[in-house]
Amino acid sequence: MLKSAPVGKPNAAPAHKPKASSKVTTKCAPVAVP
């Protein structure tokens, strides 16, 4: 799911924000789908 986020939204760049990546893992659906 983490791969879907950066691919779908390059602006999100969870890799650049390790703290955000933790939240992305918790809410991958809402984050991946705007």
N, C-alpha and C. Protein backbone atom coordinates (compact mmCIF):
# COMPACT_ATOMS: atom_id res chain seq x y z
N MET A 1 0.84 -1.20 0.00
CA MET A 1 0.00 0.00 0.00
C MET A 1 0.88 1.25 0.00
N LEU A 2 2.03 1.16 0.66
CA LEU A 2 2.94 2.31 0.69
C LEU A 2 3.40 2.64 -0.72
N LYS A 3 3.57 1.60 -1.55
CA LYS A 3 4.01 1.82 -2.93
C LYS A 3 2.91 2.52 -3.73
N SER A 4 1.67 2.21 -3.40
CA SER A 4 0.54 2.81 -4.13
C SER A 4 0.47 4.32 -3.84
N ALA A 5 0.79 4.70 -2.62
CA ALA A 5 0.72 6.12 -2.24
C ALA A 5 1.69 6.96 -3.07
N PRO A 6 3.00 6.64 -3.04
CA PRO A 6 3.98 7.43 -3.79
C PRO A 6 3.72 7.39 -5.29
N VAL A 7 3.29 6.24 -5.80
CA VAL A 7 3.03 6.11 -7.23
C VAL A 7 1.80 6.93 -7.62
N GLY A 8 0.76 6.85 -6.80
CA GLY A 8 -0.46 7.59 -7.08
C GLY A 8 -0.26 9.08 -6.86
N LYS A 9 0.45 9.42 -5.78
CA LYS A 9 0.68 10.84 -5.48
C LYS A 9 2.16 11.09 -5.21
N PRO A 10 2.89 11.52 -6.23
CA PRO A 10 4.32 11.80 -6.06
C PRO A 10 4.54 12.93 -5.06
N ASN A 11 3.53 13.80 -4.92
CA ASN A 11 3.63 14.92 -3.99
C ASN A 11 3.66 14.43 -2.54
N ALA A 12 2.98 13.31 -2.30
CA ALA A 12 2.91 12.78 -0.93
C ALA A 12 4.32 12.41 -0.46
N ALA A 13 5.06 11.70 -1.32
CA ALA A 13 6.44 11.32 -1.03
C ALA A 13 6.61 10.86 0.41
N PRO A 14 5.98 9.74 0.80
CA PRO A 14 6.11 9.20 2.16
C PRO A 14 7.56 8.89 2.49
N ALA A 15 8.35 8.59 1.47
CA ALA A 15 9.76 8.27 1.68
C ALA A 15 10.48 9.48 2.26
N HIS A 16 10.08 10.69 1.80
CA HIS A 16 10.71 11.91 2.30
C HIS A 16 10.27 12.20 3.74
N LYS A 17 9.08 11.71 4.07
CA LYS A 17 8.56 11.95 5.43
C LYS A 17 8.34 10.63 6.14
N PRO A 18 9.34 10.16 6.91
CA PRO A 18 9.25 8.89 7.64
C PRO A 18 8.08 8.91 8.63
N LYS A 19 7.84 10.07 9.23
CA LYS A 19 6.74 10.18 10.20
C LYS A 19 5.41 10.01 9.47
N ALA A 20 5.32 10.60 8.28
CA ALA A 20 4.07 10.50 7.50
C ALA A 20 3.85 9.06 7.08
N SER A 21 4.95 8.36 6.77
CA SER A 21 4.84 6.97 6.31
C SER A 21 4.14 6.13 7.38
N SER A 22 4.39 6.44 8.65
CA SER A 22 3.75 5.68 9.73
C SER A 22 2.24 5.91 9.68
N LYS A 23 1.84 7.17 9.43
CA LYS A 23 0.41 7.48 9.35
C LYS A 23 -0.18 6.88 8.08
N VAL A 24 0.62 6.85 7.03
CA VAL A 24 0.15 6.28 5.76
C VAL A 24 -0.17 4.81 5.95
N THR A 25 0.67 4.13 6.76
CA THR A 25 0.44 2.70 7.01
C THR A 25 -0.86 2.52 7.78
N THR A 26 -1.13 3.45 8.68
CA THR A 26 -2.35 3.36 9.48
C THR A 26 -3.57 3.67 8.61
N LYS A 27 -3.42 4.71 7.77
CA LYS A 27 -4.55 5.09 6.90
C LYS A 27 -4.08 5.09 5.45
N CYS A 28 -3.90 3.89 4.91
CA CYS A 28 -3.40 3.79 3.53
C CYS A 28 -4.55 4.06 2.56
N ALA A 29 -5.76 3.63 2.93
CA ALA A 29 -6.90 3.80 2.03
C ALA A 29 -7.23 5.28 1.82
N PRO A 30 -7.48 6.05 2.89
CA PRO A 30 -7.82 7.48 2.75
C PRO A 30 -6.69 8.27 2.11
N VAL A 31 -5.45 7.92 2.44
CA VAL A 31 -4.31 8.66 1.91
C VAL A 31 -4.13 8.36 0.42
N ALA A 32 -4.27 7.08 0.07
CA ALA A 32 -4.09 6.68 -1.33
C ALA A 32 -5.24 7.23 -2.17
N VAL A 33 -6.45 7.22 -1.58
CA VAL A 33 -7.62 7.71 -2.32
C VAL A 33 -8.03 9.09 -1.80
N PRO A 34 -7.88 10.11 -2.62
CA PRO A 34 -8.20 11.49 -2.20
C PRO A 34 -9.71 11.70 -2.02
